[in-house]
C-alpha cells in the first residue's frame, strides 16, 4: 500500500504539468502565435521550405508582408483575419519580416 502514494503523487504531478502547457497551446496565444498556428494547421511546417511548405518563408512572411507566396510554395495560404495581422504587427513589428542585413548596407545611416 505504501507504493500507491508515490505513484499517485507522480500521476498528480504529471497532470498538473500538462494542464498549463495545454491551455497555452490551445488558445492563450497572442495574435502572432495564432497566425503561426493557422499556418501549421494549413500544412506548413518548420524546416520544410525546400518542399514549398516552410512555416516562415512560405506562409508567415507572405501573410505578414501582404506579399504573394514564393513560386515554389505548394500549399495555399490560410485565411487570416486582417485585424489579427494588424494586432500581430502592433505587438511584434519584426514578426514575419525579412531579417536585417548584418553588413548594415541595407539601412540608411543616421544623420
Protein backbone atom coordinates (compact mmCIF):
# COMPACT_ATOMS: atom_id res chain seq x y z
CA UNK A 1 0.00 0.00 0.00
CA UNK A 2 2.84 2.39 0.64
CA UNK A 3 3.84 2.24 -3.07
CA UNK A 4 0.48 3.69 -4.11
CA UNK A 5 1.22 7.05 -2.55
CA UNK A 6 4.32 7.82 -4.66
CA UNK A 7 2.60 6.60 -7.81
CA UNK A 8 -0.44 8.73 -7.08
CA UNK A 9 1.77 11.70 -6.37
CA UNK A 10 3.58 11.23 -9.64
CA UNK A 11 0.30 10.98 -11.53
CA UNK A 12 -0.96 14.20 -9.98
CA UNK A 13 2.32 15.92 -10.76
CA UNK A 14 2.11 14.76 -14.38
CA UNK A 15 -1.46 16.03 -14.72
CA UNK A 16 -0.54 19.34 -13.10
CA UNK A 17 2.32 19.87 -15.55
CA UNK A 18 0.30 19.10 -18.66
CA UNK A 19 -2.70 21.32 -17.97
CA UNK A 20 -0.91 24.70 -18.09
CA UNK A 21 1.06 23.84 -21.22
CA UNK A 22 -2.05 22.50 -22.98
CA UNK A 23 -4.03 25.61 -22.11
CA UNK A 24 -1.36 27.86 -23.57
CA UNK A 25 -1.11 25.79 -26.74
CA UNK A 26 -4.85 25.58 -27.21
CA UNK A 27 -5.97 29.17 -27.10
CA UNK A 28 -3.90 31.50 -24.97
CA UNK A 29 -1.66 32.54 -27.87
CA UNK A 30 -1.07 36.10 -28.89
CA UNK A 31 -2.00 37.25 -32.39
CA UNK A 32 1.37 36.20 -33.87
CA UNK A 33 1.03 32.75 -32.34
CA UNK A 34 -2.44 32.45 -33.83
CA UNK A 35 -1.07 33.24 -37.29
CA UNK A 36 1.67 30.63 -36.87
CA UNK A 37 -0.94 28.11 -35.67
CA UNK A 38 -3.13 28.84 -38.72
CA UNK A 39 -0.13 28.18 -40.97
CA UNK A 40 0.66 24.93 -39.17
CA UNK A 41 -2.98 23.86 -39.43
CA UNK A 42 -2.83 24.53 -43.19
CA UNK A 43 0.08 22.10 -43.50
CA UNK A 44 3.12 24.37 -43.29
CA UNK A 45 5.99 23.20 -41.08
CA UNK A 46 9.37 24.30 -39.75
CA UNK A 47 12.22 23.09 -41.91
CA UNK A 48 10.03 22.32 -44.94
CA UNK A 49 10.94 25.27 -47.17
CA UNK A 50 12.57 23.01 -49.77
CA UNK A 51 9.26 21.24 -50.24
CA UNK A 52 7.40 24.55 -50.59
CA UNK A 53 5.66 24.20 -47.23
CA UNK A 54 8.03 26.17 -45.00
CA UNK A 55 6.27 27.68 -42.00
CA UNK A 56 8.01 31.03 -42.06
CA UNK A 57 9.09 31.60 -45.67
CA UNK A 58 6.04 30.13 -47.44
CA UNK A 59 3.28 31.17 -45.01
CA UNK A 60 4.06 33.58 -42.16
CA UNK A 61 6.22 36.02 -44.14
CA UNK A 62 3.77 36.43 -47.06
CA UNK A 63 0.85 36.94 -44.67
CA UNK A 64 2.69 39.50 -42.54
CA UNK A 65 4.19 41.35 -45.52
CA UNK A 66 0.99 41.30 -47.58
CA UNK A 67 3.01 39.73 -50.39
CA UNK A 68 2.39 36.76 -52.68
CA UNK A 69 3.85 33.41 -51.75
CA UNK A 70 7.14 32.32 -53.29
CA UNK A 71 6.66 30.49 -56.61
CA UNK A 72 7.84 27.22 -55.04
CA UNK A 73 5.07 27.25 -52.39
CA UNK A 74 2.98 24.12 -52.77
CA UNK A 75 0.07 24.93 -50.43
CA UNK A 76 -2.28 27.92 -50.44
CA UNK A 77 -2.14 30.44 -47.61
CA UNK A 78 -4.75 30.04 -44.88
CA UNK A 79 -7.40 32.72 -44.49
CA UNK A 80 -6.29 35.07 -41.72
CA UNK A 81 -8.33 37.99 -40.40
CA UNK A 82 -6.61 41.28 -41.37
CA UNK A 83 -7.25 42.56 -37.84
CA UNK A 84 -5.23 39.64 -36.47
CA UNK A 85 -2.33 40.64 -38.75
CA UNK A 86 -2.61 44.26 -37.56
CA UNK A 87 -2.68 43.13 -33.92
CA UNK A 88 0.39 40.97 -34.52
CA UNK A 89 2.25 43.86 -36.15
CA UNK A 90 1.37 46.08 -33.19
CA UNK A 91 2.63 43.54 -30.65
CA UNK A 92 5.71 42.35 -32.57
CA UNK A 93 6.67 44.56 -35.55
CA UNK A 94 9.54 42.25 -36.59
CA UNK A 95 7.40 39.09 -36.81
CA UNK A 96 7.31 37.79 -40.38
CA UNK A 97 9.63 40.49 -41.68
CA UNK A 98 12.89 39.90 -43.58
CA UNK A 99 15.95 39.57 -41.42
CA UNK A 100 18.08 42.73 -41.37
CA UNK A 101 21.43 42.55 -43.09
CA UNK A 102 24.34 42.11 -40.69
CA UNK A 103 26.52 44.18 -43.01
CA UNK A 104 24.38 47.23 -42.41
CA UNK A 105 24.37 48.04 -46.12
CA UNK A 106 20.60 47.94 -46.49
CA UNK A 107 19.84 50.51 -43.82
CA UNK A 108 20.50 54.23 -44.26
CA UNK A 109 22.97 55.76 -41.86
CA UNK A 110 21.54 58.24 -39.32
CA UNK A 111 22.47 61.86 -39.92
